[in-house]
């Protein structure tokens, strides 16, 4: 029964995260920008494969990020036809502002927790994410 309760709580958390990502104040390409910054560089086709989405969807998002100066294409020295995508300094600044904003939100949400409770939660959550990735349930590193 505890696994079902955990699954219910995680689904509720996923819904909250989805709503936060869809907030009008945020660019809708932040998850893609973060993926490139943390795990990139990638080609657009690789991103589509990892995310399991249509390549045209990724192409539109990438085009917007390039137009905004948050991502740049660079020639691949080994394959002149390929253009890996890299996050620019402006893109990294946007991500840092977003990380600070979310850290403040999480800090507010956890304000009633002791430092020990916060540290334990962070440790357990980190273990959970690591094990999800190891099991193949989550893409990425």
Protein backbone atom coordinates (compact mmCIF):
# COMPACT_ATOMS: atom_id res chain seq x y z
CA UNK A 1 0.00 0.00 0.00
CA UNK A 2 2.89 2.39 0.69
CA UNK A 3 4.00 2.06 -2.96
CA UNK A 4 0.53 3.09 -4.14
CA UNK A 5 0.54 6.08 -1.77
CA UNK A 6 4.01 7.05 -3.02
CA UNK A 7 2.89 6.74 -6.64
CA UNK A 8 -0.13 8.95 -5.93
CA UNK A 9 2.06 11.62 -4.29
CA UNK A 10 4.56 11.51 -7.16
CA UNK A 11 1.78 11.90 -9.72
CA UNK A 12 0.49 14.90 -7.78
CA UNK A 13 4.02 16.35 -7.78
CA UNK A 14 4.34 15.74 -11.53
CA UNK A 15 1.08 17.63 -12.12
CA UNK A 16 2.33 20.56 -10.04
CA UNK A 17 5.60 20.64 -11.97
CA UNK A 18 3.76 20.53 -15.31
CA UNK A 19 1.58 23.46 -14.24
CA UNK A 20 4.64 25.42 -13.13
CA UNK A 21 6.37 24.77 -16.46
CA UNK A 22 3.28 25.97 -18.31
CA UNK A 23 3.10 29.23 -16.35
CA UNK A 24 2.89 32.18 -18.76
CA UNK A 25 5.81 33.97 -17.10
CA UNK A 26 8.18 31.18 -18.12
CA UNK A 27 9.44 30.49 -21.62
CA UNK A 28 7.94 27.16 -22.65
CA UNK A 29 11.35 25.95 -23.82
CA UNK A 30 13.02 26.04 -20.40
CA UNK A 31 13.03 22.25 -20.00
CA UNK A 32 14.77 21.89 -23.36
CA UNK A 33 17.24 24.64 -22.49
CA UNK A 34 18.01 22.96 -19.15
CA UNK A 35 18.51 19.59 -20.85
CA UNK A 36 21.02 21.11 -23.26
CA UNK A 37 22.86 22.89 -20.45
CA UNK A 38 23.05 19.84 -18.18
CA UNK A 39 23.47 16.98 -20.65
CA UNK A 40 24.32 18.53 -24.02
CA UNK A 41 25.38 19.29 -26.57
CA UNK A 42 22.82 17.46 -28.70
CA UNK A 43 21.61 17.61 -32.27
CA UNK A 44 17.91 18.36 -32.67
CA UNK A 45 17.23 14.79 -33.84
CA UNK A 46 18.92 13.39 -30.73
CA UNK A 47 16.75 15.58 -28.52
CA UNK A 48 13.60 14.34 -30.26
CA UNK A 49 14.71 10.72 -29.79
CA UNK A 50 15.56 11.18 -26.10
CA UNK A 51 12.28 12.96 -25.36
CA UNK A 52 10.22 10.69 -27.60
CA UNK A 53 8.63 13.60 -29.44
CA UNK A 54 8.15 14.57 -33.06
CA UNK A 55 11.33 16.11 -34.57
CA UNK A 56 9.30 19.04 -35.95
CA UNK A 57 8.27 19.97 -32.40
CA UNK A 58 11.91 20.06 -31.31
CA UNK A 59 12.88 22.00 -34.44
CA UNK A 60 10.33 24.73 -33.65
CA UNK A 61 11.51 24.99 -30.05
CA UNK A 62 15.17 25.03 -31.07
CA UNK A 63 14.49 27.70 -33.69
CA UNK A 64 12.91 29.90 -31.03
CA UNK A 65 15.84 29.38 -28.67
CA UNK A 66 18.33 30.21 -31.44
CA UNK A 67 16.35 33.35 -32.44
CA UNK A 68 16.31 34.42 -28.78
CA UNK A 69 20.08 34.01 -28.52
CA UNK A 70 19.77 31.35 -25.80
CA UNK A 71 21.16 28.50 -27.93
CA UNK A 72 23.60 28.42 -30.81
CA UNK A 73 24.38 25.88 -33.49
CA UNK A 74 28.02 24.97 -34.02
CA UNK A 75 29.57 22.98 -36.83
CA UNK A 76 30.57 19.47 -35.83
CA UNK A 77 34.27 19.07 -36.70
CA UNK A 78 33.75 15.35 -37.36
CA UNK A 79 30.56 15.66 -39.41
CA UNK A 80 30.10 18.90 -41.34
CA UNK A 81 26.41 18.11 -41.91
CA UNK A 82 25.68 18.04 -38.17
CA UNK A 83 25.04 21.07 -35.99
CA UNK A 84 25.16 20.34 -32.28
CA UNK A 85 23.30 22.81 -30.08
CA UNK A 86 25.03 24.67 -27.26
CA UNK A 87 23.58 26.93 -24.58
CA UNK A 88 24.90 30.50 -24.81
CA UNK A 89 25.91 32.71 -21.90
CA UNK A 90 22.49 34.41 -22.16
CA UNK A 91 20.81 31.01 -21.96
CA UNK A 92 22.81 30.11 -18.87
CA UNK A 93 21.80 33.41 -17.24
CA UNK A 94 18.12 32.65 -17.90
CA UNK A 95 18.54 29.20 -16.36
CA UNK A 96 20.27 30.63 -13.30
CA UNK A 97 17.48 33.15 -12.74
CA UNK A 98 14.95 30.33 -13.06
CA UNK A 99 16.89 28.13 -10.61
CA UNK A 100 16.97 30.98 -8.10
CA UNK A 101 13.23 31.58 -8.51
CA UNK A 102 12.42 27.91 -7.98
CA UNK A 103 14.81 27.64 -5.04
CA UNK A 104 12.96 30.53 -3.40
CA UNK A 105 9.61 28.82 -4.05
CA UNK A 106 10.86 25.54 -2.60
CA UNK A 107 12.38 27.38 0.35
CA UNK A 108 9.00 28.96 1.06
CA UNK A 109 7.26 25.59 0.79
CA UNK A 110 9.75 23.98 3.19
CA UNK A 111 9.98 26.89 5.61
CA UNK A 112 8.34 24.89 8.39
CA UNK A 113 10.84 22.04 8.06
CA UNK A 114 13.94 21.76 10.21
CA UNK A 115 17.37 21.85 8.53
CA UNK A 116 17.69 18.14 9.31
CA UNK A 117 14.35 17.35 7.65
CA UNK A 118 15.34 19.35 4.58
CA UNK A 119 18.70 17.59 4.33
CA UNK A 120 17.10 14.15 4.74
CA UNK A 121 14.47 14.94 2.12
CA UNK A 122 17.14 16.13 -0.34
CA UNK A 123 19.18 12.96 0.25
CA UNK A 124 16.21 10.64 -0.21
CA UNK A 125 14.93 12.49 -3.26
CA UNK A 126 18.41 12.35 -4.82
CA UNK A 127 18.57 8.60 -4.21
CA UNK A 128 15.11 8.16 -5.69
CA UNK A 129 15.93 10.09 -8.88
CA UNK A 130 19.24 8.23 -9.27
CA UNK A 131 17.50 4.86 -8.91
CA UNK A 132 14.70 5.85 -11.31
CA UNK A 133 17.30 6.72 -13.93
CA UNK A 134 19.26 3.53 -13.25
CA UNK A 135 16.07 1.48 -13.69
CA UNK A 136 15.41 3.14 -17.04
CA UNK A 137 12.21 4.80 -15.84
CA UNK A 138 13.68 8.27 -16.51
CA UNK A 139 15.77 9.37 -19.49
CA UNK A 140 19.11 11.11 -19.10
CA UNK A 141 22.09 11.01 -16.84
